[in-house]
Amino acid sequence: MVLTDLAYQGPKRGADRAVLLAHGAGADMHAATLTTVADALADAKVPSLRFNFPYRAAGRRGPDRAPVLEAAVREAVAELARRTKLPPERLVLGGRSMGGRICSMVAADTGALGLVLLGYPLHPPGKATQLRVEHFARLRMPTLFVSGTRDAFATRAELKRHAKKLKGPVSFHWVETGDHGFKPLKSSGLTVDAVLADVAGAVVEFVTGIANER
């Protein structure tokens, strides 16, 4: 497999960590959440790499099967390591929804400096028993969950309960009244742009705060 759609931002040398950002099932690497986070990381001198999964690069709407998605993440990890000259253990993996989930599955096998899970799809909407947590007990790195309080894929209580399975330190950042895509209710007084800026700030704080000895 050769990834053809890639977007690298940030310094080309000198950084001690970098971030891989994978897109959600219905979006691509240009999704507003990912570009806003990537811009904020670049401002903080942290490199990032976004990429399109093969199905998106080919113009298809339906996601590839899990082994293909995982292979794409592994290839993207290798590409980010090559570009930054950092070892894989200095990379933070993550992304939106499906992309974050696939990154967490890869990290459960390979390790990572940290995980950033933006709207983790704990279960399909309305199917709370179909949990996607089988690999959680193998996650030993610091992990940030960013989730809307109206997310149909995971309530606040569900996410906090199942996140206890992770072996590494876990932190949460909540988007008040936000849905799975972080869109807030109009009654909240929040705008999408303000929410995304807040999410990006939380990601930068988490990524830059991971201790060097890890």
Protein backbone atom coordinates (compact mmCIF):
# COMPACT_ATOMS: atom_id res chain seq x y z
CA MET A 1 0.00 0.00 0.00
CA VAL A 2 1.20 3.50 -0.82
CA LEU A 3 -0.64 6.48 0.69
CA THR A 4 -1.08 9.16 -1.96
CA ASP A 5 -2.96 11.91 -0.08
CA LEU A 6 -0.82 13.39 2.69
CA ALA A 7 -0.66 16.77 4.43
CA TYR A 8 2.32 17.57 6.67
CA GLN A 9 2.41 20.69 8.84
CA GLY A 10 4.83 22.12 11.33
CA PRO A 11 8.62 22.22 11.67
CA LYS A 12 10.63 19.81 9.55
CA ARG A 13 13.30 19.27 12.19
CA GLY A 14 14.00 19.78 15.87
CA ALA A 15 10.68 18.65 17.34
CA ASP A 16 10.69 16.00 20.07
CA ARG A 17 7.18 14.72 19.27
CA ALA A 18 4.71 14.69 16.39
CA VAL A 19 1.03 13.86 15.86
CA LEU A 20 -0.76 11.64 13.36
CA LEU A 21 -4.36 12.67 12.61
CA ALA A 22 -6.73 10.21 10.93
CA HIS A 23 -10.14 11.18 9.57
CA GLY A 24 -13.60 9.84 10.36
CA ALA A 25 -15.62 7.44 8.22
CA GLY A 26 -17.71 10.06 6.45
CA ALA A 27 -15.04 12.71 6.01
CA ASP A 28 -11.48 13.06 4.74
CA MET A 29 -8.19 14.62 5.86
CA HIS A 30 -9.53 18.12 5.12
CA ALA A 31 -12.26 17.89 7.78
CA ALA A 32 -12.46 21.11 9.79
CA THR A 33 -11.69 19.45 13.12
CA LEU A 34 -8.45 17.95 11.83
CA THR A 35 -7.26 21.06 9.99
CA THR A 36 -7.99 23.27 13.00
CA VAL A 37 -6.04 20.91 15.28
CA ALA A 38 -3.18 20.65 12.78
CA ASP A 39 -2.95 24.45 12.52
CA ALA A 40 -2.86 24.81 16.31
CA LEU A 41 -0.16 22.15 16.60
CA ALA A 42 1.92 23.90 13.92
CA ASP A 43 1.62 27.17 15.88
CA ALA A 44 2.97 25.25 18.89
CA LYS A 45 5.89 23.91 16.78
CA VAL A 46 4.54 20.37 16.85
CA PRO A 47 4.56 18.56 13.47
CA SER A 48 1.48 16.69 12.32
CA LEU A 49 0.52 14.48 9.42
CA ARG A 50 -2.97 14.03 7.99
CA PHE A 51 -3.78 11.44 5.35
CA ASN A 52 -6.67 9.90 3.47
CA PHE A 53 -7.52 6.27 3.99
CA PRO A 54 -7.39 4.27 0.72
CA TYR A 55 -11.15 4.30 0.17
CA ARG A 56 -11.22 8.09 0.30
CA ALA A 57 -8.18 8.42 -1.93
CA ALA A 58 -10.02 6.23 -4.45
CA GLY A 59 -13.17 8.34 -4.22
CA ARG A 60 -15.27 5.72 -2.45
CA ARG A 61 -17.71 6.50 0.36
CA GLY A 62 -17.70 3.19 2.25
CA PRO A 63 -14.73 2.60 4.57
CA ASP A 64 -12.21 -0.15 3.91
CA ARG A 65 -12.15 -3.21 6.15
CA ALA A 66 -10.29 -2.90 9.44
CA PRO A 67 -7.06 -4.64 8.28
CA VAL A 68 -6.75 -2.16 5.38
CA LEU A 69 -7.43 0.80 7.67
CA GLU A 70 -4.87 -0.43 10.19
CA ALA A 71 -2.28 -0.97 7.47
CA ALA A 72 -2.83 2.60 6.29
CA VAL A 73 -2.27 3.93 9.82
CA ARG A 74 0.92 1.90 10.15
CA GLU A 75 2.17 3.29 6.85
CA ALA A 76 1.28 6.82 7.91
CA VAL A 77 3.13 6.32 11.20
CA ALA A 78 6.22 5.23 9.28
CA GLU A 79 5.93 8.25 6.98
CA LEU A 80 5.60 10.68 9.89
CA ALA A 81 8.58 9.07 11.62
CA ARG A 82 10.60 9.38 8.39
CA ARG A 83 9.71 13.04 7.87
CA THR A 84 10.41 14.08 11.48
CA LYS A 85 13.29 11.67 12.09
CA LEU A 86 11.56 10.64 15.30
CA PRO A 87 11.16 7.06 16.53
CA PRO A 88 7.57 5.75 16.56
CA GLU A 89 7.48 5.91 20.36
CA ARG A 90 7.71 9.73 20.09
CA LEU A 91 4.52 9.93 18.02
CA VAL A 92 1.02 10.70 19.28
CA LEU A 93 -1.67 8.87 17.29
CA GLY A 94 -5.30 9.78 16.93
CA GLY A 95 -8.04 11.46 14.99
CA ARG A 96 -11.76 11.75 14.48
CA SER A 97 -14.20 8.95 15.31
CA MET A 98 -13.28 5.91 13.17
CA GLY A 99 -9.80 7.30 12.52
CA GLY A 100 -9.10 7.65 16.22
CA ARG A 101 -10.45 4.18 16.89
CA ILE A 102 -8.19 2.61 14.26
CA CYS A 103 -5.20 4.52 15.62
CA SER A 104 -5.97 3.23 19.10
CA MET A 105 -6.13 -0.34 17.78
CA VAL A 106 -2.70 0.07 16.16
CA ALA A 107 -1.31 1.72 19.30
CA ALA A 108 -2.53 -1.23 21.38
CA ASP A 109 -0.15 -3.40 19.37
CA THR A 110 2.77 -1.05 18.72
CA GLY A 111 2.66 1.53 21.51
CA ALA A 112 2.78 5.32 21.10
CA LEU A 113 3.70 8.44 23.04
CA GLY A 114 0.00 9.20 23.46
CA LEU A 115 -3.48 8.95 21.97
CA VAL A 116 -5.88 11.74 20.96
CA LEU A 117 -9.41 10.38 20.42
CA LEU A 118 -11.77 13.00 19.00
CA GLY A 119 -15.32 11.71 19.28
CA TYR A 120 -14.47 8.08 20.05
CA PRO A 121 -17.25 5.85 18.59
CA LEU A 122 -17.76 3.69 21.66
CA HIS A 123 -20.76 2.00 20.05
CA PRO A 124 -23.12 2.57 17.10
CA PRO A 125 -25.99 4.96 17.92
CA GLY A 126 -28.78 3.13 19.71
CA LYS A 127 -26.68 -0.03 20.12
CA ALA A 128 -25.01 0.45 23.49
CA THR A 129 -24.15 -3.25 23.82
CA GLN A 130 -22.03 -3.30 20.64
CA LEU A 131 -18.96 -1.92 22.35
CA ARG A 132 -15.66 -1.14 20.66
CA VAL A 133 -13.44 -1.58 23.71
CA GLU A 134 -11.81 -4.98 23.23
CA HIS A 135 -8.34 -3.41 22.94
CA PHE A 136 -8.68 -0.83 25.74
CA ALA A 137 -6.87 -2.97 28.33
CA ARG A 138 -3.75 -2.95 26.11
CA LEU A 139 -3.52 0.85 25.96
CA ARG A 140 -0.78 1.97 28.35
CA MET A 141 -0.03 5.45 26.99
CA PRO A 142 -1.59 8.77 28.08
CA THR A 143 -4.94 9.18 26.31
CA LEU A 144 -7.15 12.20 25.73
CA PHE A 145 -10.84 11.69 24.96
CA VAL A 146 -12.59 14.71 23.44
CA SER A 147 -16.33 14.16 23.23
CA GLY A 148 -19.59 16.05 22.91
CA THR A 149 -22.07 15.76 25.75
CA ARG A 150 -24.81 14.90 23.20
CA ASP A 151 -22.73 12.30 21.33
CA ALA A 152 -25.00 9.41 20.27
CA PHE A 153 -21.93 7.17 19.95
CA ALA A 154 -20.98 7.53 23.63
CA THR A 155 -22.60 9.27 26.57
CA ARG A 156 -20.37 10.95 29.12
CA ALA A 157 -21.15 8.24 31.68
CA GLU A 158 -20.49 5.41 29.21
CA LEU A 159 -17.18 6.84 28.07
CA LYS A 160 -15.92 7.49 31.60
CA ARG A 161 -16.94 4.01 32.70
CA HIS A 162 -15.28 2.12 29.86
CA ALA A 163 -12.19 4.34 29.82
CA LYS A 164 -11.33 2.83 33.20
CA LYS A 165 -10.16 -0.23 31.24
CA LEU A 166 -7.19 1.73 29.88
CA LYS A 167 -3.91 1.07 31.72
CA GLY A 168 -2.39 4.50 31.06
CA PRO A 169 -3.47 7.92 32.37
CA VAL A 170 -6.75 9.13 30.88
CA SER A 171 -8.07 12.68 30.54
CA PHE A 172 -11.32 14.05 29.13
CA HIS A 173 -12.33 17.26 27.41
CA TRP A 174 -16.07 17.78 27.01
CA VAL A 175 -17.79 19.83 24.33
CA GLU A 176 -20.89 21.08 26.11
CA THR A 177 -24.07 20.34 24.10
CA GLY A 178 -21.87 19.05 21.27
CA ASP A 179 -23.00 16.15 19.09
CA HIS A 180 -20.72 13.50 17.58
CA GLY A 181 -19.33 16.10 15.18
CA PHE A 182 -18.90 18.61 18.05
CA LYS A 183 -21.72 20.83 16.76
CA PRO A 184 -23.23 22.64 19.77
CA LEU A 185 -26.85 23.58 20.32
CA LYS A 186 -27.69 27.17 19.34
CA SER A 187 -29.03 27.70 22.84
CA SER A 188 -25.52 27.14 24.21
CA GLY A 189 -24.31 30.38 22.69
CA LEU A 190 -21.30 28.53 21.27
CA THR A 191 -20.27 28.62 17.62
CA VAL A 192 -18.69 25.73 15.72
CA ASP A 193 -15.54 27.80 15.19
CA ALA A 194 -15.26 28.54 18.90
CA VAL A 195 -15.75 24.87 19.74
CA LEU A 196 -13.10 23.73 17.28
CA ALA A 197 -10.64 26.31 18.60
CA ASP A 198 -11.31 25.04 22.12
CA VAL A 199 -10.81 21.42 21.02
CA ALA A 200 -7.57 22.32 19.25
CA GLY A 201 -6.32 24.09 22.37
CA ALA A 202 -7.08 21.02 24.48
CA VAL A 203 -5.18 18.79 22.05
CA VAL A 204 -2.13 21.06 22.02
CA GLU A 205 -2.11 21.25 25.83
CA PHE A 206 -2.32 17.46 26.06
CA VAL A 207 0.31 16.72 23.41
CA THR A 208 2.85 19.23 24.70
CA GLY A 209 2.21 18.14 28.29
CA ILE A 210 3.12 14.48 27.86
CA ALA A 211 6.22 13.91 29.94
CA ASN A 212 9.48 13.35 28.06
CA GLU A 213 10.40 10.27 30.05
CA ARG A 214 7.45 8.32 28.64
